Protein backbone atom coordinates (compact mmCIF):
# COMPACT_ATOMS: atom_id res chain seq x y z
CA MET A 1 16.86 -51.34 67.97
CA ASP A 2 19.75 -53.79 67.95
CA THR A 3 19.16 -57.12 69.63
CA VAL A 4 22.07 -58.67 71.51
CA ARG A 5 22.12 -62.42 71.06
CA THR A 6 24.03 -64.58 73.58
CA PRO A 7 26.12 -67.27 71.88
CA HIS A 8 24.55 -70.14 73.83
CA GLY A 9 25.83 -72.69 71.34
CA LEU A 10 29.45 -71.65 71.84
CA THR A 11 29.06 -71.75 75.63
CA THR A 12 27.57 -75.23 75.48
CA CYS A 13 30.33 -76.48 73.18
CA ALA A 14 32.98 -75.10 75.53
CA GLY A 15 31.36 -76.91 78.46
CA LEU A 16 31.32 -80.16 76.50
CA VAL A 17 35.03 -79.79 75.73
CA VAL A 18 35.85 -79.41 79.44
CA VAL A 19 33.71 -82.41 80.39
CA SER A 20 35.23 -84.54 77.61
CA ALA A 21 38.74 -83.65 78.71
CA THR A 22 37.95 -84.62 82.31
CA ILE A 23 36.48 -87.97 81.30
CA ALA A 24 39.45 -88.71 79.05
CA ALA A 25 41.88 -87.99 81.91
CA CYS A 26 40.01 -90.19 84.40
CA SER A 27 39.33 -93.09 82.04
CA SER A 28 41.79 -93.09 79.19
CA SER A 29 41.07 -96.77 78.50
CA LYS A 30 37.69 -95.86 77.00
CA PRO A 31 38.18 -94.24 73.59
CA ALA A 32 35.79 -91.57 72.41
CA PRO A 33 32.96 -92.94 70.28
CA THR A 34 33.43 -92.69 66.56
CA PRO A 35 30.85 -90.83 64.43
CA ALA A 36 29.48 -94.18 63.26
CA GLN A 37 28.74 -95.15 66.87
CA THR A 38 26.77 -91.94 67.58
CA THR A 39 24.40 -92.09 64.62
CA ASP A 40 20.72 -92.69 65.25
CA PRO A 41 19.68 -96.35 65.18
CA PRO A 42 17.47 -97.52 62.32
CA GLN A 43 14.44 -97.47 64.64
CA ALA A 44 14.79 -93.69 65.07
CA ALA A 45 14.75 -93.10 61.32
CA ALA A 46 11.75 -95.40 60.91
CA LEU A 47 9.90 -93.55 63.66
CA TRP A 48 9.50 -90.37 61.57
CA GLY A 49 8.56 -92.09 58.33
CA ASP A 50 7.89 -90.37 55.02
CA LEU A 51 5.79 -87.24 54.82
CA LYS A 52 2.68 -87.74 52.69
CA PRO A 53 0.52 -84.79 51.57
CA VAL A 54 -3.16 -84.74 52.40
CA VAL A 55 -4.31 -81.87 50.19
CA SER A 56 -3.21 -80.03 47.05
CA VAL A 57 -1.24 -76.77 47.03
CA LYS A 58 -4.43 -74.84 46.27
CA GLU A 59 -6.21 -76.36 49.29
CA LEU A 60 -3.17 -75.91 51.53
CA MET A 61 -3.17 -72.22 50.65
CA LYS A 62 -6.93 -71.82 51.12
CA TYR A 63 -7.36 -73.68 54.39
CA MET A 64 -4.06 -73.08 56.16
CA ILE A 65 -1.57 -70.58 54.77
CA ASP A 66 -4.00 -67.83 53.71
CA PRO A 67 -5.99 -67.80 56.98
CA MET A 68 -2.79 -67.71 59.03
CA ALA A 69 -1.42 -64.91 56.85
CA ASP A 70 -4.55 -62.90 57.69
CA ASN A 71 -3.51 -62.99 61.35
CA VAL A 72 -0.56 -60.85 60.30
CA PHE A 73 -2.22 -58.84 57.50
CA ASN A 74 -5.17 -57.75 59.62
CA ALA A 75 -3.16 -56.93 62.73
CA VAL A 76 -2.67 -53.31 61.69
CA GLY A 77 -4.67 -51.01 59.45
CA SER A 78 -6.72 -47.85 59.12
CA THR A 79 -10.42 -47.62 58.33
CA VAL A 80 -12.24 -44.48 57.29
CA THR A 81 -15.62 -44.15 59.03
CA LYS A 82 -18.18 -41.39 59.50
CA GLN A 83 -16.52 -40.62 62.81
CA GLY A 84 -13.09 -40.35 61.20
CA ILE A 85 -10.09 -42.63 60.73
CA VAL A 86 -10.00 -45.66 63.00
CA ASP A 87 -6.58 -47.26 63.46
CA VAL A 88 -6.31 -50.98 64.15
CA GLU A 89 -3.25 -52.25 65.99
CA PRO A 90 -2.41 -54.91 68.58
CA LYS A 91 -2.90 -53.66 72.13
CA THR A 92 -3.32 -56.73 74.32
CA GLU A 93 -1.37 -59.93 74.85
CA GLU A 94 -4.19 -61.75 73.09
CA ASP A 95 -3.72 -59.51 70.04
CA TRP A 96 0.01 -60.24 69.90
CA ASP A 97 -0.59 -63.97 70.47
CA LYS A 98 -2.86 -64.05 67.43
CA ILE A 99 -0.07 -62.56 65.31
CA ARG A 100 2.39 -65.05 66.79
CA ILE A 101 0.06 -67.93 65.87
CA GLY A 102 -0.04 -66.67 62.30
CA ALA A 103 3.72 -66.20 62.09
CA VAL A 104 4.55 -69.62 63.55
CA SER A 105 2.04 -71.33 61.27
CA LEU A 106 3.49 -69.56 58.22
CA ALA A 107 7.09 -70.32 59.18
CA GLU A 108 6.36 -74.01 59.66
CA GLY A 109 3.69 -74.31 56.98
CA ALA A 110 5.88 -72.83 54.25
CA ASP A 111 8.05 -75.95 54.28
CA LEU A 112 4.96 -78.05 53.55
CA LEU A 113 5.08 -76.54 50.07
CA LYS A 114 8.34 -78.44 49.53
CA ILE A 115 6.53 -81.76 49.81
CA ARG A 116 5.59 -82.95 46.35
CA ARG A 117 1.81 -82.74 45.97
CA PRO A 118 -0.72 -81.90 43.21
CA PHE A 119 -1.25 -78.19 42.67
CA THR A 120 -5.05 -78.45 42.50
CA PRO A 121 -7.72 -80.98 43.51
CA PRO A 122 -8.69 -83.55 40.87
CA GLY A 123 -10.69 -81.98 38.04
CA ASP A 124 -9.71 -78.39 38.95
CA GLU A 125 -7.89 -76.81 36.01
CA ASN A 126 -7.86 -73.24 37.34
CA ASN A 127 -8.96 -70.45 35.01
CA SER A 128 -6.66 -71.81 32.32
CA THR A 129 -9.00 -72.28 29.35
CA GLY A 130 -10.00 -69.86 26.62
CA PRO A 131 -8.04 -67.28 24.64
CA ASP A 132 -7.87 -64.80 27.53
CA ALA A 133 -6.90 -67.28 30.27
CA VAL A 134 -4.76 -65.61 32.91
CA GLU A 135 -4.06 -68.63 35.11
CA LEU A 136 -1.78 -71.57 34.39
CA SER A 137 -3.13 -75.10 34.41
CA PRO A 138 -1.86 -77.53 37.10
CA ALA A 139 0.25 -79.29 34.44
CA GLN A 140 1.83 -75.99 33.39
CA ILE A 141 2.64 -75.07 36.99
CA THR A 142 4.17 -78.48 37.63
CA ALA A 143 6.30 -78.22 34.50
CA LYS A 144 7.52 -74.77 35.48
CA VAL A 145 8.51 -75.92 38.97
CA GLU A 146 10.33 -78.94 37.60
CA ARG A 147 12.22 -76.77 35.09
CA ASP A 148 13.45 -74.43 37.80
CA PRO A 149 13.17 -75.89 41.32
CA VAL A 150 15.59 -73.23 42.57
CA GLU A 151 13.01 -70.48 42.00
CA TRP A 152 10.26 -72.52 43.66
CA ASN A 153 12.36 -73.05 46.78
CA ALA A 154 13.42 -69.40 46.78
CA ARG A 155 9.77 -68.30 46.78
CA ILE A 156 9.08 -70.60 49.72
CA GLU A 157 12.07 -69.28 51.65
CA ALA A 158 10.94 -65.70 50.99
CA LEU A 159 7.59 -66.48 52.64
CA ARG A 160 9.29 -68.21 55.54
CA ASN A 161 11.69 -65.31 56.07
CA VAL A 162 8.80 -62.86 56.38
CA ALA A 163 7.18 -65.15 58.94
CA LEU A 164 10.42 -65.15 60.95
CA GLU A 165 10.49 -61.36 60.65
CA ALA A 166 6.97 -61.25 62.06
CA LEU A 167 8.01 -63.42 65.01
CA ASP A 168 10.85 -61.05 65.80
CA VAL A 169 8.50 -58.06 65.68
CA VAL A 170 6.07 -59.83 68.01
CA LYS A 171 8.84 -60.43 70.54
CA ARG A 172 9.60 -56.70 70.55
CA LYS A 173 5.94 -55.64 70.18
CA ASP A 174 6.93 -53.09 67.57
CA VAL A 175 3.71 -51.81 66.00
CA ARG A 176 5.51 -49.56 63.53
CA GLU A 177 7.55 -52.42 62.06
CA LEU A 178 4.42 -54.55 61.90
CA TRP A 179 3.25 -52.34 59.03
CA ASP A 180 6.42 -53.22 57.11
CA VAL A 181 5.92 -56.92 57.83
CA GLY A 182 2.44 -56.80 56.33
CA GLU A 183 3.77 -55.13 53.20
CA ASN A 184 6.63 -57.63 52.89
CA LEU A 185 4.22 -60.51 53.31
CA ASP A 186 1.98 -59.14 50.59
CA LYS A 187 4.95 -58.80 48.22
CA ALA A 188 6.17 -62.34 48.93
CA CYS A 189 2.72 -63.82 48.30
CA GLU A 190 1.99 -61.81 45.15
CA ALA A 191 5.43 -62.49 43.65
CA CYS A 192 4.83 -66.23 43.95
CA HIS A 193 1.24 -66.06 42.68
CA ARG A 194 2.20 -63.96 39.66
CA SER A 195 5.00 -66.33 38.79
CA TYR A 196 3.11 -69.62 39.14
CA TRP A 197 -0.62 -69.00 39.31
CA TYR A 198 -1.67 -66.03 37.18
CA PRO A 199 1.33 -64.72 35.21
CA GLY A 200 -1.06 -63.45 32.53
CA GLU A 201 -2.61 -60.97 34.94
CA GLY A 202 -0.21 -58.17 34.13
CA ALA A 203 -0.56 -54.56 32.99
CA GLU A 204 -1.67 -55.57 29.49
CA PHE A 205 -4.43 -57.75 30.93
CA TYR A 206 -5.87 -54.89 32.97
CA GLN A 207 -5.65 -52.50 30.03
CA LYS A 208 -7.60 -54.97 27.90
CA LEU A 209 -10.12 -55.44 30.71
CA GLN A 210 -10.57 -51.68 31.02
CA ARG A 211 -11.19 -51.33 27.29
CA ARG A 212 -13.73 -54.14 27.41
CA LEU A 213 -15.58 -52.51 30.31
CA GLU A 214 -15.67 -49.22 28.44
CA GLU A 215 -17.11 -50.98 25.38
CA LEU A 216 -19.79 -52.66 27.48
CA SER A 217 -20.72 -49.42 29.20
CA GLY A 218 -21.27 -47.79 25.79
CA GLN A 219 -23.68 -50.49 24.61
CA ALA A 220 -27.44 -50.18 24.95
CA PRO A 221 -28.99 -52.23 27.77
CA ARG A 222 -30.45 -55.58 26.81
CA GLY A 223 -34.16 -55.55 25.97
CA HIS A 224 -34.07 -52.06 24.53
CA THR A 225 -33.68 -51.08 20.87
CA SER A 226 -30.96 -48.74 19.78
CA ALA A 227 -33.06 -47.29 16.92
CA LYS A 228 -33.54 -43.55 16.99
CA PRO A 229 -37.11 -42.37 17.57
CA GLN A 230 -39.03 -41.15 14.51
CA LYS A 231 -39.51 -37.42 14.22
CA PRO A 232 -43.20 -36.33 14.07
């Protein structure tokens, strides 16, 4: 369904032009202020201050972004029970508000990832040790981001765009499109994780894991001998 958007900004600008023209005609002795005169005073800039991170990226994801993403992920779904398939979807204003909370938090919280902060808490090296490590260490992630900040910001914008998509769906209460939003959110999250967190967890990793599981399943249980019994 197409959404018609009223160009409020253009209307406001037109009104300002008319008002400015009237003022200029009535009081031509007062010149219009120059751009330098309309800038915020130093006190306004000092009011906001510098943003300082409180937690690492890993903690920000665990305690804020992931839980808020669940508000969108879990909004629709199907569960197979003994009684049949049970569909989950938003039905009340409270249900839609929960999705809106998740979408707003994701849209605003995504930009927090642009604030320079450690990727893990002190002493946390991820699963980055050993010959079969699938996760990058914090130092490796930092180096990758610094080599290509464009990709890092693109990943963040992808997450933010899905959150904005979710907000639009909430406004229209479109359950069908909510399924697509959940899928898009999953893709945005996984694309970022696979690029920065566990790039080694690809098809080859799972093939190796499957072979290892098959080897283990073919071994005799611990505590039992594998010797064949003697024939009488």
